[in-house]
PDB file of all heavy atoms in Angstrom:
ATOM      1  N   LEU A   1     170.127-177.001 -12.799  1.00  0.00           N
ATOM      2  CA  LEU A   1     170.576-177.780 -13.954  1.00  0.00           C
ATOM      3  C   LEU A   1     170.658-179.267 -13.642  1.00  0.00           C
ATOM      4  O   LEU A   1     170.662-180.093 -14.563  1.00  0.00           O
ATOM      5  CB  LEU A   1     171.943-177.268 -14.427  1.00  0.00           C
ATOM      6  CG  LEU A   1     171.956-175.852 -15.012  1.00  0.00           C
ATOM      7  CD1 LEU A   1     173.381-175.403 -15.312  1.00  0.00           C
ATOM      8  CD2 LEU A   1     171.095-175.774 -16.267  1.00  0.00           C
ATOM      9  N   SER A   2     170.724-179.622 -12.370  1.00  0.00           N
ATOM     10  CA  SER A   2     170.746-181.034 -11.974  1.00  0.00           C
ATOM     11  C   SER A   2     169.352-181.571 -11.679  1.00  0.00           C
ATOM     12  O   SER A   2     169.213-182.685 -11.154  1.00  0.00           O
ATOM     13  CB  SER A   2     171.636-181.202 -10.732  1.00  0.00           C
ATOM     14  OG  SER A   2     172.947-180.753 -10.974  1.00  0.00           O
ATOM     15  N   TRP A   3     168.328-180.823 -12.005  1.00  0.00           N
ATOM     16  CA  TRP A   3     166.938-181.222 -11.782  1.00  0.00           C
ATOM     17  C   TRP A   3     166.671-182.562 -12.465  1.00  0.00           C
ATOM     18  O   TRP A   3     166.991-182.751 -13.642  1.00  0.00           O
ATOM     19  CB  TRP A   3     166.028-180.141 -12.343  1.00  0.00           C
ATOM     20  CG  TRP A   3     164.561-180.322 -12.066  1.00  0.00           C
ATOM     21  CD1 TRP A   3     163.984-180.951 -11.015  1.00  0.00           C
ATOM     22  CD2 TRP A   3     163.484-179.834 -12.883  1.00  0.00           C
ATOM     23  NE1 TRP A   3     162.619-180.898 -11.100  1.00  0.00           N
ATOM     24  CE2 TRP A   3     162.284-180.219 -12.237  1.00  0.00           C
ATOM     25  CE3 TRP A   3     163.425-179.124 -14.075  1.00  0.00           C
ATOM     26  CZ2 TRP A   3     161.036-179.913 -12.773  1.00  0.00           C
ATOM     27  CZ3 TRP A   3     162.180-178.808 -14.604  1.00  0.00           C
ATOM     28  CH2 TRP A   3     161.001-179.202 -13.954  1.00  0.00           C
ATOM     29  N   PRO A   4     166.091-183.537 -11.772  1.00  0.00           N
ATOM     30  CA  PRO A   4     165.872-184.869 -12.351  1.00  0.00           C
ATOM     31  C   PRO A   4     165.055-184.867 -13.643  1.00  0.00           C
ATOM     32  O   PRO A   4     165.203-185.769 -14.474  1.00  0.00           O
ATOM     33  CB  PRO A   4     165.129-185.621 -11.235  1.00  0.00           C
ATOM     34  CG  PRO A   4     165.564-184.946  -9.980  1.00  0.00           C
ATOM     35  CD  PRO A   4     165.736-183.499 -10.338  1.00  0.00           C
ATOM     36  N   ALA A   5     164.187-183.871 -13.826  1.00  0.00           N
ATOM     37  CA  ALA A   5     163.370-183.829 -15.042  1.00  0.00           C
ATOM     38  C   ALA A   5     164.216-183.663 -16.297  1.00  0.00           C
ATOM     39  O   ALA A   5     163.782-184.011 -17.408  1.00  0.00           O
ATOM     40  CB  ALA A   5     162.354-182.692 -14.946  1.00  0.00           C
ATOM     41  N   PHE A   6     165.429-183.129 -16.152  1.00  0.00           N
ATOM     42  CA  PHE A   6     166.301-182.950 -17.308  1.00  0.00           C
ATOM     43  C   PHE A   6     166.974-184.249 -17.749  1.00  0.00           C
ATOM     44  O   PHE A   6     167.494-184.325 -18.859  1.00  0.00           O
ATOM     45  CB  PHE A   6     167.388-181.912 -16.998  1.00  0.00           C
ATOM     46  CG  PHE A   6     166.902-180.497 -16.967  1.00  0.00           C
ATOM     47  CD1 PHE A   6     167.252-179.650 -15.920  1.00  0.00           C
ATOM     48  CD2 PHE A   6     166.099-179.999 -17.982  1.00  0.00           C
ATOM     49  CE1 PHE A   6     166.813-178.336 -15.891  1.00  0.00           C
ATOM     50  CE2 PHE A   6     165.647-178.686 -17.955  1.00  0.00           C
ATOM     51  CZ  PHE A   6     166.000-177.850 -16.913  1.00  0.00           C
ATOM     52  N   VAL A   7     166.982-185.252 -16.875  1.00  0.00           N
ATOM     53  CA  VAL A   7     167.738-186.470 -17.169  1.00  0.00           C
ATOM     54  C   VAL A   7     167.230-187.175 -18.423  1.00  0.00           C
ATOM     55  O   VAL A   7     168.010-187.452 -19.345  1.00  0.00           O
ATOM     56  CB  VAL A   7     167.735-187.410 -15.948  1.00  0.00           C
ATOM     57  CG1 VAL A   7     168.352-188.762 -16.307  1.00  0.00           C
ATOM     58  CG2 VAL A   7     168.493-186.770 -14.795  1.00  0.00           C
ATOM     59  N   PRO A   8     165.930-187.522 -18.528  1.00  0.00           N
ATOM     60  CA  PRO A   8     165.484-188.207 -19.749  1.00  0.00           C
ATOM     61  C   PRO A   8     165.624-187.341 -21.001  1.00  0.00           C
ATOM     62  O   PRO A   8     165.958-187.854 -22.076  1.00  0.00           O
ATOM     63  CB  PRO A   8     164.013-188.543 -19.458  1.00  0.00           C
ATOM     64  CG  PRO A   8     163.607-187.638 -18.349  1.00  0.00           C
ATOM     65  CD  PRO A   8     164.836-187.385 -17.550  1.00  0.00           C
ATOM     66  N   LEU A   9     165.372-186.040 -20.881  1.00  0.00           N
ATOM     67  CA  LEU A   9     165.545-185.171 -22.045  1.00  0.00           C
ATOM     68  C   LEU A   9     167.003-185.148 -22.492  1.00  0.00           C
ATOM     69  O   LEU A   9     167.302-185.168 -23.697  1.00  0.00           O
ATOM     70  CB  LEU A   9     165.075-183.754 -21.719  1.00  0.00           C
ATOM     71  CG  LEU A   9     163.574-183.549 -21.500  1.00  0.00           C
ATOM     72  CD1 LEU A   9     163.284-182.090 -21.175  1.00  0.00           C
ATOM     73  CD2 LEU A   9     162.783-183.989 -22.723  1.00  0.00           C
ATOM     74  N   SER A  10     167.909-185.117 -21.520  1.00  0.00           N
ATOM     75  CA  SER A  10     169.326-185.121 -21.851  1.00  0.00           C
ATOM     76  C   SER A  10     169.719-186.397 -22.580  1.00  0.00           C
ATOM     77  O   SER A  10     170.495-186.368 -23.537  1.00  0.00           O
ATOM     78  CB  SER A  10     170.141-184.964 -20.565  1.00  0.00           C
ATOM     79  OG  SER A  10     171.520-185.134 -20.812  1.00  0.00           O
ATOM     80  N   ARG A  11     169.177-187.515 -22.151  1.00  0.00           N
ATOM     81  CA  ARG A  11     169.523-188.793 -22.769  1.00  0.00           C
ATOM     82  C   ARG A  11     168.872-188.968 -24.139  1.00  0.00           C
ATOM     83  O   ARG A  11     169.278-189.851 -24.901  1.00  0.00           O
ATOM     84  CB  ARG A  11     169.115-189.932 -21.844  1.00  0.00           C
ATOM     85  CG  ARG A  11     169.994-190.002 -20.610  1.00  0.00           C
ATOM     86  CD  ARG A  11     169.486-190.997 -19.604  1.00  0.00           C
ATOM     87  NE  ARG A  11     170.436-191.127 -18.495  1.00  0.00           N
ATOM     88  CZ  ARG A  11     170.169-191.727 -17.352  1.00  0.00           C
ATOM     89  NH1 ARG A  11     168.972-192.237 -17.138  1.00  0.00           N
ATOM     90  NH2 ARG A  11     171.088-191.805 -16.413  1.00  0.00           N
ATOM     91  N   LEU A  12     167.892-188.163 -24.439  1.00  0.00           N
ATOM     92  CA  LEU A  12     167.239-188.236 -25.752  1.00  0.00           C
ATOM     93  C   LEU A  12     167.812-187.228 -26.749  1.00  0.00           C
ATOM     94  O   LEU A  12     167.332-187.162 -27.882  1.00  0.00           O
ATOM     95  CB  LEU A  12     165.733-187.991 -25.600  1.00  0.00           C
ATOM     96  CG  LEU A  12     164.911-189.118 -24.983  1.00  0.00           C
ATOM     97  CD1 LEU A  12     163.470-188.673 -24.778  1.00  0.00           C
ATOM     98  CD2 LEU A  12     164.947-190.368 -25.857  1.00  0.00           C
ATOM     99  N   THR A  13     168.812-186.456 -26.353  1.00  0.00           N
ATOM    100  CA  THR A  13     169.277-185.391 -27.248  1.00  0.00           C
ATOM    101  C   THR A  13     169.847-185.936 -28.559  1.00  0.00           C
ATOM    102  O   THR A  13     169.651-185.335 -29.612  1.00  0.00           O
ATOM    103  CB  THR A  13     170.340-184.525 -26.551  1.00  0.00           C
ATOM    104  OG1 THR A  13     171.359-185.360 -25.990  1.00  0.00           O
ATOM    105  CG2 THR A  13     169.716-183.682 -25.451  1.00  0.00           C
ATOM    106  N   TYR A  14     170.558-187.058 -28.510  1.00  0.00           N
ATOM    107  CA  TYR A  14     171.134-187.596 -29.741  1.00  0.00           C
ATOM    108  C   TYR A  14     170.051-188.037 -30.706  1.00  0.00           C
ATOM    109  O   TYR A  14     170.082-187.715 -31.898  1.00  0.00           O
ATOM    110  CB  TYR A  14     172.066-188.764 -29.411  1.00  0.00           C
ATOM    111  CG  TYR A  14     172.709-189.389 -30.627  1.00  0.00           C
ATOM    112  CD1 TYR A  14     173.395-188.611 -31.553  1.00  0.00           C
ATOM    113  CD2 TYR A  14     172.640-190.762 -30.854  1.00  0.00           C
ATOM    114  CE1 TYR A  14     173.989-189.179 -32.667  1.00  0.00           C
ATOM    115  CE2 TYR A  14     173.227-191.337 -31.953  1.00  0.00           C
ATOM    116  CZ  TYR A  14     173.902-190.548 -32.854  1.00  0.00           C
ATOM    117  OH  TYR A  14     174.485-191.111 -33.962  1.00  0.00           O
ATOM    118  N   CYS A  15     169.075-188.766 -30.221  1.00  0.00           N
ATOM    119  CA  CYS A  15     167.978-189.208 -31.087  1.00  0.00           C
ATOM    120  C   CYS A  15     167.124-188.024 -31.541  1.00  0.00           C
ATOM    121  O   CYS A  15     166.604-188.018 -32.664  1.00  0.00           O
ATOM    122  CB  CYS A  15     167.123-190.246 -30.364  1.00  0.00           C
ATOM    123  SG  CYS A  15     167.948-191.838 -30.154  1.00  0.00           S
ATOM    124  N   ALA A  16     166.964-187.024 -30.681  1.00  0.00           N
ATOM    125  CA  ALA A  16     166.239-185.819 -31.090  1.00  0.00           C
ATOM    126  C   ALA A  16     166.983-185.103 -32.215  1.00  0.00           C
ATOM    127  O   ALA A  16     166.375-184.604 -33.164  1.00  0.00           O
ATOM    128  CB  ALA A  16     166.049-184.885 -29.898  1.00  0.00           C
ATOM    129  N   TYR A  17     168.290-185.061 -32.100  1.00  0.00           N
ATOM    130  CA  TYR A  17     169.119-184.471 -33.157  1.00  0.00           C
ATOM    131  C   TYR A  17     168.926-185.211 -34.474  1.00  0.00           C
ATOM    132  O   TYR A  17     168.810-184.598 -35.553  1.00  0.00           O
ATOM    133  CB  TYR A  17     170.573-184.507 -32.702  1.00  0.00           C
ATOM    134  CG  TYR A  17     171.599-184.620 -33.787  1.00  0.00           C
ATOM    135  CD1 TYR A  17     172.033-183.500 -34.482  1.00  0.00           C
ATOM    136  CD2 TYR A  17     172.150-185.856 -34.119  1.00  0.00           C
ATOM    137  CE1 TYR A  17     172.987-183.610 -35.486  1.00  0.00           C
ATOM    138  CE2 TYR A  17     173.098-185.966 -35.110  1.00  0.00           C
ATOM    139  CZ  TYR A  17     173.512-184.852 -35.793  1.00  0.00           C
ATOM    140  OH  TYR A  17     174.445-184.968 -36.776  1.00  0.00           O
ATOM    141  N   LEU A  18     168.848-186.542 -34.430  1.00  0.00           N
ATOM    142  CA  LEU A  18     168.683-187.325 -35.652  1.00  0.00           C
ATOM    143  C   LEU A  18     167.287-187.170 -36.248  1.00  0.00           C
ATOM    144  O   LEU A  18     167.130-187.122 -37.470  1.00  0.00           O
ATOM    145  CB  LEU A  18     168.956-188.802 -35.366  1.00  0.00           C
ATOM    146  CG  LEU A  18     170.392-189.194 -34.999  1.00  0.00           C
ATOM    147  CD1 LEU A  18     170.465-190.673 -34.656  1.00  0.00           C
ATOM    148  CD2 LEU A  18     171.346-188.862 -36.138  1.00  0.00           C
ATOM    149  N   MET A  19     166.259-187.089 -35.415  1.00  0.00           N
ATOM    150  CA  MET A  19     164.882-187.095 -35.908  1.00  0.00           C
ATOM    151  C   MET A  19     164.359-185.713 -36.253  1.00  0.00           C
ATOM    152  O   MET A  19     163.361-185.593 -36.961  1.00  0.00           O
ATOM    153  CB  MET A  19     163.955-187.722 -34.855  1.00  0.00           C
ATOM    154  CG  MET A  19     164.260-189.185 -34.553  1.00  0.00           C
ATOM    155  SD  MET A  19     164.201-190.238 -36.015  1.00  0.00           S
ATOM    156  CE  MET A  19     162.458-190.185 -36.413  1.00  0.00           C
ATOM    157  N   ASN A  20     165.007-184.660 -35.776  1.00  0.00           N
ATOM    158  CA  ASN A  20     164.457-183.321 -35.977  1.00  0.00           C
ATOM    159  C   ASN A  20     164.381-182.946 -37.454  1.00  0.00           C
ATOM    160  O   ASN A  20     163.428-182.292 -37.893  1.00  0.00           O
ATOM    161  CB  ASN A  20     165.287-182.293 -35.217  1.00  0.00           C
ATOM    162  CG  ASN A  20     164.737-180.893 -35.345  1.00  0.00           C
ATOM    163  OD1 ASN A  20     165.411-179.993 -35.842  1.00  0.00           O
ATOM    164  ND2 ASN A  20     163.509-180.683 -34.915  1.00  0.00           N
ATOM    165  N   GLY A  21     165.374-183.343 -38.241  1.00  0.00           N
ATOM    166  CA  GLY A  21     165.339-183.036 -39.672  1.00  0.00           C
ATOM    167  C   GLY A  21     164.127-183.642 -40.346  1.00  0.00           C
ATOM    168  O   GLY A  21     163.493-183.013 -41.201  1.00  0.00           O
ATOM    169  N   LEU A  22     163.783-184.870 -39.966  1.00  0.00           N
ATOM    170  CA  LEU A  22     162.606-185.525 -40.533  1.00  0.00           C
ATOM    171  C   LEU A  22     161.331-184.784 -40.157  1.00  0.00           C
ATOM    172  O   LEU A  22     160.435-184.590 -40.988  1.00  0.00           O
ATOM    173  CB  LEU A  22     162.549-186.973 -40.040  1.00  0.00           C
ATOM    174  CG  LEU A  22     161.364-187.808 -40.532  1.00  0.00           C
ATOM    175  CD1 LEU A  22     161.401-187.952 -42.047  1.00  0.00           C
ATOM    176  CD2 LEU A  22     161.368-189.187 -39.868  1.00  0.00           C
ATOM    177  N   VAL A  23     161.234-184.347 -38.905  1.00  0.00           N
ATOM    178  CA  VAL A  23     160.053-183.601 -38.455  1.00  0.00           C
ATOM    179  C   VAL A  23     159.904-182.305 -39.248  1.00  0.00           C
ATOM    180  O   VAL A  23     158.815-181.981 -39.736  1.00  0.00           O
ATOM    181  CB  VAL A  23     160.151-183.307 -36.945  1.00  0.00           C
ATOM    182  CG1 VAL A  23     159.057-182.340 -36.507  1.00  0.00           C
ATOM    183  CG2 VAL A  23     160.061-184.595 -36.146  1.00  0.00           C
ATOM    184  N   GLU A  24     160.999-181.558 -39.385  1.00  0.00           N
ATOM    185  CA  GLU A  24     160.929-180.279 -40.087  1.00  0.00           C
ATOM    186  C   GLU A  24     160.609-180.464 -41.562  1.00  0.00           C
ATOM    187  O   GLU A  24     159.803-179.719 -42.132  1.00  0.00           O
ATOM    188  CB  GLU A  24     162.241-179.515 -39.915  1.00  0.00           C
ATOM    189  CG  GLU A  24     162.613-179.185 -38.478  1.00  0.00           C
ATOM    190  CD  GLU A  24     161.539-178.404 -37.751  1.00  0.00           C
ATOM    191  OE1 GLU A  24     160.731-177.723 -38.417  1.00  0.00           O
ATOM    192  OE2 GLU A  24     161.497-178.475 -36.513  1.00  0.00           O
ATOM    193  N   LEU A  25     161.223-181.440 -42.194  1.00  0.00           N
ATOM    194  CA  LEU A  25     160.942-181.704 -43.603  1.00  0.00           C
ATOM    195  C   LEU A  25     159.487-182.104 -43.803  1.00  0.00           C
ATOM    196  O   LEU A  25     158.814-181.626 -44.724  1.00  0.00           O
ATOM    197  CB  LEU A  25     161.859-182.808 -44.125  1.00  0.00           C
ATOM    198  CG  LEU A  25     163.287-182.416 -44.490  1.00  0.00           C
ATOM    199  CD1 LEU A  25     164.103-183.650 -44.805  1.00  0.00           C
ATOM    200  CD2 LEU A  25     163.279-181.471 -45.691  1.00  0.00           C
ATOM    201  N   TYR A  26     159.006-182.987 -42.948  1.00  0.00           N
ATOM    202  CA  TYR A  26     157.631-183.476 -43.097  1.00  0.00           C
ATOM    203  C   TYR A  26     156.620-182.343 -42.944  1.00  0.00           C
ATOM    204  O   TYR A  26     155.713-182.185 -43.785  1.00  0.00           O
ATOM    205  CB  TYR A  26     157.359-184.572 -42.066  1.00  0.00           C
ATOM    206  CG  TYR A  26     155.999-185.209 -42.223  1.00  0.00           C
ATOM    207  CD1 TYR A  26     155.839-186.367 -42.959  1.00  0.00           C
ATOM    208  CD2 TYR A  26     154.863-184.646 -41.638  1.00  0.00           C
ATOM    209  CE1 TYR A  26     154.595-186.954 -43.125  1.00  0.00           C
ATOM    210  CE2 TYR A  26     153.617-185.215 -41.790  1.00  0.00           C
ATOM    211  CZ  TYR A  26     153.492-186.372 -42.532  1.00  0.00           C
ATOM    212  OH  TYR A  26     152.251-186.928 -42.697  1.00  0.00           O
TER     213      TYR A  26
END
């Protein structure tokens, strides 16, 4: 769970949460 590859994905979770609705609607 501390794998470095998770770091950028973890930091993008808030923006992913905001943009996912737009992706699904589109």
